[in-house]
Amino acid sequence: QVQLVESGGGLVQAGGSLRLSCAASGRTFSSSAMGWFRHAPGKEREFVAAINWSGTITYYTDSVKGRFTISRDNAKNTVYLQMNSLKPEDTAVYYCALDSFSYRYTVPTSPPLFGSWGQGTQVIVSS
């Protein structure tokens, strides 16, 4: 069973930056794509970014393109989400998730494709 633990959330002013980390236990991390999702109050859970198992392919939702960067360090079993130019609408609980399948050719973006989820980390962006 893989465990995912997010960290790095907090309160930041609009225009500021945060770096989220997601540490994974288990041997499947380096062969699995990873994703970041967010859930804001009163809204549906939203895909944010994903990265394939080798780190060579990334995908972002339109609202964060050019501001957020997903990356991974397979030696450290960790995936990151660098968030710059934060906006109040980025306020949400952010979750990392691990792909249910290994060595997927594409980058998954749909929640049902992810089999393990972290507990979430709160990000609050003040205006």
Protein backbone atom coordinates (compact mmCIF):
# COMPACT_ATOMS: atom_id res chain seq x y z
CA GLN A 1 0.00 0.00 0.00
CA VAL A 2 1.44 3.34 -1.07
CA GLN A 3 1.16 6.26 1.32
CA LEU A 4 1.32 9.85 0.09
CA VAL A 5 2.02 12.77 2.40
CA GLU A 6 1.69 16.35 1.19
CA SER A 7 3.39 19.35 2.75
CA GLY A 8 4.18 22.95 1.95
CA GLY A 9 0.76 24.53 2.07
CA GLY A 10 0.03 27.73 3.91
CA LEU A 11 -1.16 31.30 3.73
CA VAL A 12 0.35 33.58 1.11
CA GLN A 13 -0.51 36.93 -0.41
CA ALA A 14 -1.64 37.20 -4.00
CA GLY A 15 1.37 37.21 -6.30
CA GLY A 16 3.38 35.08 -3.93
CA SER A 17 4.76 31.57 -4.28
CA LEU A 18 4.52 28.23 -2.55
CA ARG A 19 6.13 24.88 -3.21
CA LEU A 20 4.13 21.80 -2.39
CA SER A 21 5.80 18.46 -1.84
CA CYS A 22 4.35 14.97 -1.85
CA ALA A 23 6.44 12.20 -0.36
CA ALA A 24 5.55 8.64 -1.30
CA SER A 25 6.30 5.38 0.41
CA GLY A 26 6.46 2.14 -1.51
CA ARG A 27 8.30 0.88 -4.54
CA THR A 28 5.78 1.87 -7.21
CA PHE A 29 6.48 5.61 -7.17
CA SER A 30 9.23 5.65 -9.79
CA SER A 31 7.11 3.68 -12.27
CA SER A 32 3.89 5.66 -11.80
CA ALA A 33 2.59 8.96 -13.06
CA MET A 34 1.68 11.49 -10.39
CA GLY A 35 -0.97 14.16 -10.29
CA TRP A 36 -2.01 17.18 -8.27
CA PHE A 37 -5.66 18.03 -7.74
CA ARG A 38 -7.39 20.71 -5.71
CA HIS A 39 -10.72 21.08 -4.02
CA ALA A 40 -12.11 24.47 -3.13
CA PRO A 41 -15.19 24.96 -0.94
CA GLY A 42 -18.37 24.76 -2.96
CA LYS A 43 -16.57 23.54 -6.06
CA GLU A 44 -15.84 20.20 -7.68
CA ARG A 45 -12.44 18.59 -7.28
CA GLU A 46 -10.25 19.93 -10.06
CA PHE A 47 -7.28 18.53 -11.91
CA VAL A 48 -4.24 20.82 -11.63
CA ALA A 49 -1.17 19.09 -13.07
CA ALA A 50 0.31 15.69 -13.80
CA ILE A 51 3.67 14.23 -14.70
CA ASN A 52 4.54 10.90 -16.23
CA TRP A 53 6.63 8.25 -14.49
CA SER A 54 9.94 9.44 -15.95
CA GLY A 55 9.29 13.13 -15.58
CA THR A 56 9.51 13.80 -19.31
CA ILE A 57 5.85 14.65 -19.92
CA THR A 58 3.76 17.15 -17.99
CA TYR A 59 0.24 18.44 -18.36
CA TYR A 60 -1.55 21.37 -16.74
CA THR A 61 -5.03 22.73 -16.53
CA ASP A 62 -5.32 25.99 -18.45
CA SER A 63 -5.78 28.19 -15.39
CA VAL A 64 -2.33 27.36 -14.00
CA LYS A 65 -0.26 27.15 -17.18
CA GLY A 66 2.75 29.43 -16.98
CA ARG A 67 2.37 29.80 -13.20
CA PHE A 68 2.66 26.26 -11.80
CA THR A 69 5.36 23.68 -12.46
CA ILE A 70 5.16 20.01 -11.58
CA SER A 71 8.35 18.02 -11.17
CA ARG A 72 9.53 14.83 -9.54
CA ASP A 73 12.61 13.30 -7.98
CA ASN A 74 12.36 9.53 -8.25
CA ALA A 75 15.45 9.07 -6.08
CA LYS A 76 13.58 10.83 -3.26
CA ASN A 77 10.15 9.38 -4.04
CA THR A 78 8.82 12.93 -4.12
CA VAL A 79 6.74 15.01 -6.49
CA TYR A 80 6.60 18.80 -6.30
CA LEU A 81 4.27 21.56 -7.36
CA GLN A 82 5.91 24.96 -7.63
CA MET A 83 3.19 27.59 -7.56
CA ASN A 84 4.08 31.15 -8.59
CA SER A 85 1.98 34.26 -9.14
CA LEU A 86 -0.68 32.84 -6.87
CA LYS A 87 -4.21 34.20 -7.11
CA PRO A 88 -7.06 34.11 -4.58
CA GLU A 89 -8.85 31.65 -6.85
CA ASP A 90 -6.00 29.18 -6.26
CA THR A 91 -7.21 28.81 -2.66
CA ALA A 92 -8.05 25.15 -2.06
CA VAL A 93 -6.94 21.94 -0.45
CA TYR A 94 -4.33 20.41 -2.71
CA TYR A 95 -3.99 16.64 -3.06
CA CYS A 96 -1.35 14.53 -4.73
CA ALA A 97 -2.30 11.24 -6.31
CA LEU A 98 -0.51 8.22 -7.74
CA ASP A 99 -1.48 6.53 -11.01
CA SER A 100 -3.11 3.13 -10.69
CA PHE A 101 -0.98 1.74 -13.50
CA SER A 102 2.74 1.60 -14.10
CA TYR A 103 4.61 2.99 -17.11
CA ARG A 104 1.51 4.54 -18.67
CA TYR A 105 2.32 6.09 -22.07
CA THR A 106 0.08 9.06 -21.49
CA VAL A 107 -0.33 11.43 -18.57
CA PRO A 108 -3.53 10.70 -16.65
CA THR A 109 -5.76 13.60 -15.66
CA SER A 110 -8.98 11.93 -14.50
CA PRO A 111 -9.39 11.10 -10.77
CA PRO A 112 -10.56 7.49 -11.32
CA LEU A 113 -7.19 6.72 -12.96
CA PHE A 114 -5.39 7.43 -9.69
CA GLY A 115 -5.37 4.71 -7.06
CA SER A 116 -3.72 6.39 -4.08
CA TRP A 117 -4.33 9.84 -2.62
CA GLY A 118 -2.73 11.96 0.04
CA GLN A 119 -4.56 13.66 2.87
CA GLY A 120 -4.23 17.12 1.34
CA THR A 121 -2.55 20.39 2.25
CA GLN A 122 -4.37 23.70 2.55
CA VAL A 123 -3.37 26.65 0.38
CA ILE A 124 -4.90 30.04 1.13
CA VAL A 125 -4.14 33.01 -1.09
CA SER A 126 -5.19 36.37 0.32
CA SER A 127 -6.02 39.33 -1.87
